[in-house]
Protein backbone atom coordinates (compact mmCIF):
# COMPACT_ATOMS: atom_id res chain seq x y z
CA UNK A 1 -0.19 -5.24 -51.26
CA UNK A 2 0.00 -4.79 -47.19
CA UNK A 3 -3.40 -6.36 -45.34
CA UNK A 4 -4.09 -3.49 -43.29
CA UNK A 5 -6.16 -5.44 -40.85
CA UNK A 6 -3.27 -7.22 -40.28
CA UNK A 7 -1.23 -3.89 -39.71
CA UNK A 8 -3.43 -2.66 -37.36
CA UNK A 9 -4.11 -5.93 -35.70
CA UNK A 10 -0.35 -6.12 -34.85
CA UNK A 11 -0.28 -2.76 -33.93
CA UNK A 12 -3.28 -2.89 -31.18
CA UNK A 13 -1.91 -5.76 -29.94
CA UNK A 14 1.54 -4.22 -29.53
CA UNK A 15 0.00 -1.14 -27.87
CA UNK A 16 -1.18 -4.09 -25.18
CA UNK A 17 1.94 -5.86 -25.32
CA UNK A 18 4.31 -2.43 -24.22
CA UNK A 19 1.03 -1.53 -22.23
CA UNK A 20 1.29 -4.48 -19.72
CA UNK A 21 4.53 -4.96 -19.70
CA UNK A 22 5.11 -1.71 -17.83
CA UNK A 23 2.11 -2.69 -15.18
CA UNK A 24 3.20 -5.98 -14.43
CA UNK A 25 6.62 -4.05 -13.98
CA UNK A 26 5.08 -1.86 -11.69
CA UNK A 27 3.38 -4.82 -10.14
CA UNK A 28 6.32 -6.82 -9.47
CA UNK A 29 8.14 -4.06 -7.76
CA UNK A 30 5.00 -3.11 -5.51
CA UNK A 31 4.82 -6.42 -4.09
CA UNK A 32 8.48 -7.31 -3.18
CA UNK A 33 8.30 -3.56 -1.70
CA UNK A 34 5.40 -4.55 0.10
CA UNK A 35 7.39 -7.88 1.63
CA UNK A 36 10.08 -6.30 2.88
CA UNK A 37 7.32 -3.53 4.75
CA UNK A 38 4.95 -6.28 5.82
CA UNK A 39 6.35 -6.84 9.09
CA UNK A 40 5.78 -3.34 9.46
CA UNK A 41 2.32 -3.28 8.79
CA UNK A 42 2.37 -6.46 11.64
CA UNK A 43 3.73 -4.95 14.24
CA UNK A 44 1.91 -1.10 13.93
CA UNK A 45 -1.07 -3.25 13.78
CA UNK A 46 0.03 -4.73 16.77
CA UNK A 47 0.91 -2.08 18.85
CA UNK A 48 -2.58 -1.01 18.02
CA UNK A 49 -4.09 -3.77 18.77
CA UNK A 50 -1.68 -3.98 22.59
CA UNK A 51 -2.97 -1.67 23.68
CA UNK A 52 0.31 0.14 24.13
CA UNK A 53 -1.09 2.96 21.53
CA UNK A 54 -4.36 3.84 24.04
CA UNK A 55 -1.25 4.16 26.54
CA UNK A 56 0.72 6.01 24.40
CA UNK A 57 -1.12 8.45 23.04
CA UNK A 58 -2.69 9.22 26.69
CA UNK A 59 1.06 9.74 27.22
CA UNK A 60 1.33 12.20 24.46
CA UNK A 61 -2.39 13.91 24.99
CA UNK A 62 -0.76 14.60 29.08
CA UNK A 63 2.27 16.36 27.58
CA UNK A 64 4.50 13.27 28.30
CA UNK A 65 6.45 13.61 24.48
CA UNK A 66 7.58 16.77 23.90
CA UNK A 67 6.22 18.91 20.95
CA UNK A 68 9.33 18.53 18.05
CA UNK A 69 9.00 14.78 18.38
CA UNK A 70 7.07 13.16 15.19
CA UNK A 71 4.33 11.57 16.27
CA UNK A 72 1.46 10.84 13.23
CA UNK A 73 1.10 7.18 14.73
CA UNK A 74 -0.97 9.08 17.53
CA UNK A 75 -3.20 10.66 15.54
CA UNK A 76 -6.70 9.69 16.53
CA UNK A 77 -7.60 8.02 13.02
CA UNK A 78 -4.42 7.86 11.40
CA UNK A 79 -3.26 4.45 12.70
CA UNK A 80 -6.69 2.92 12.21
CA UNK A 81 -7.06 4.98 8.83
CA UNK A 82 -3.55 2.87 7.45
CA UNK A 83 -4.34 -0.26 8.85
CA UNK A 84 -7.67 -0.09 6.97
CA UNK A 85 -6.18 1.19 4.04
CA UNK A 86 -3.51 -1.53 3.65
CA UNK A 87 -6.22 -4.53 4.61
CA UNK A 88 -8.99 -3.36 1.75
CA UNK A 89 -5.62 -2.88 -0.94
CA UNK A 90 -4.84 -6.44 -0.16
CA UNK A 91 -8.43 -7.23 -0.27
CA UNK A 92 -8.77 -5.72 -4.10
CA UNK A 93 -4.94 -7.76 -4.81
CA UNK A 94 -6.62 -11.18 -3.67
CA UNK A 95 -9.58 -10.35 -5.67
CA UNK A 96 -8.38 -9.08 -9.09
CA UNK A 97 -5.98 -12.90 -8.77
């Protein structure tokens, strides 16, 4: 006769194993992707902090950038929000570790 507690426990642990395997694979992929784009994050941060962003924003406001040029980076809150979001996510990741 099979022990039901044994089977229940093994099935439960198998579900946890499978789910954690999936989550860790996704996390590993996300970390690898972040490492690839980390220099981009730093470049955007330097762009905003250097004052160049403000100059480019003012040039756009003055109509010096053609309308067909994509310039979401110059939206008043877009870049700031992106950088704040990145900081928040990195903080959460550090707390999780």
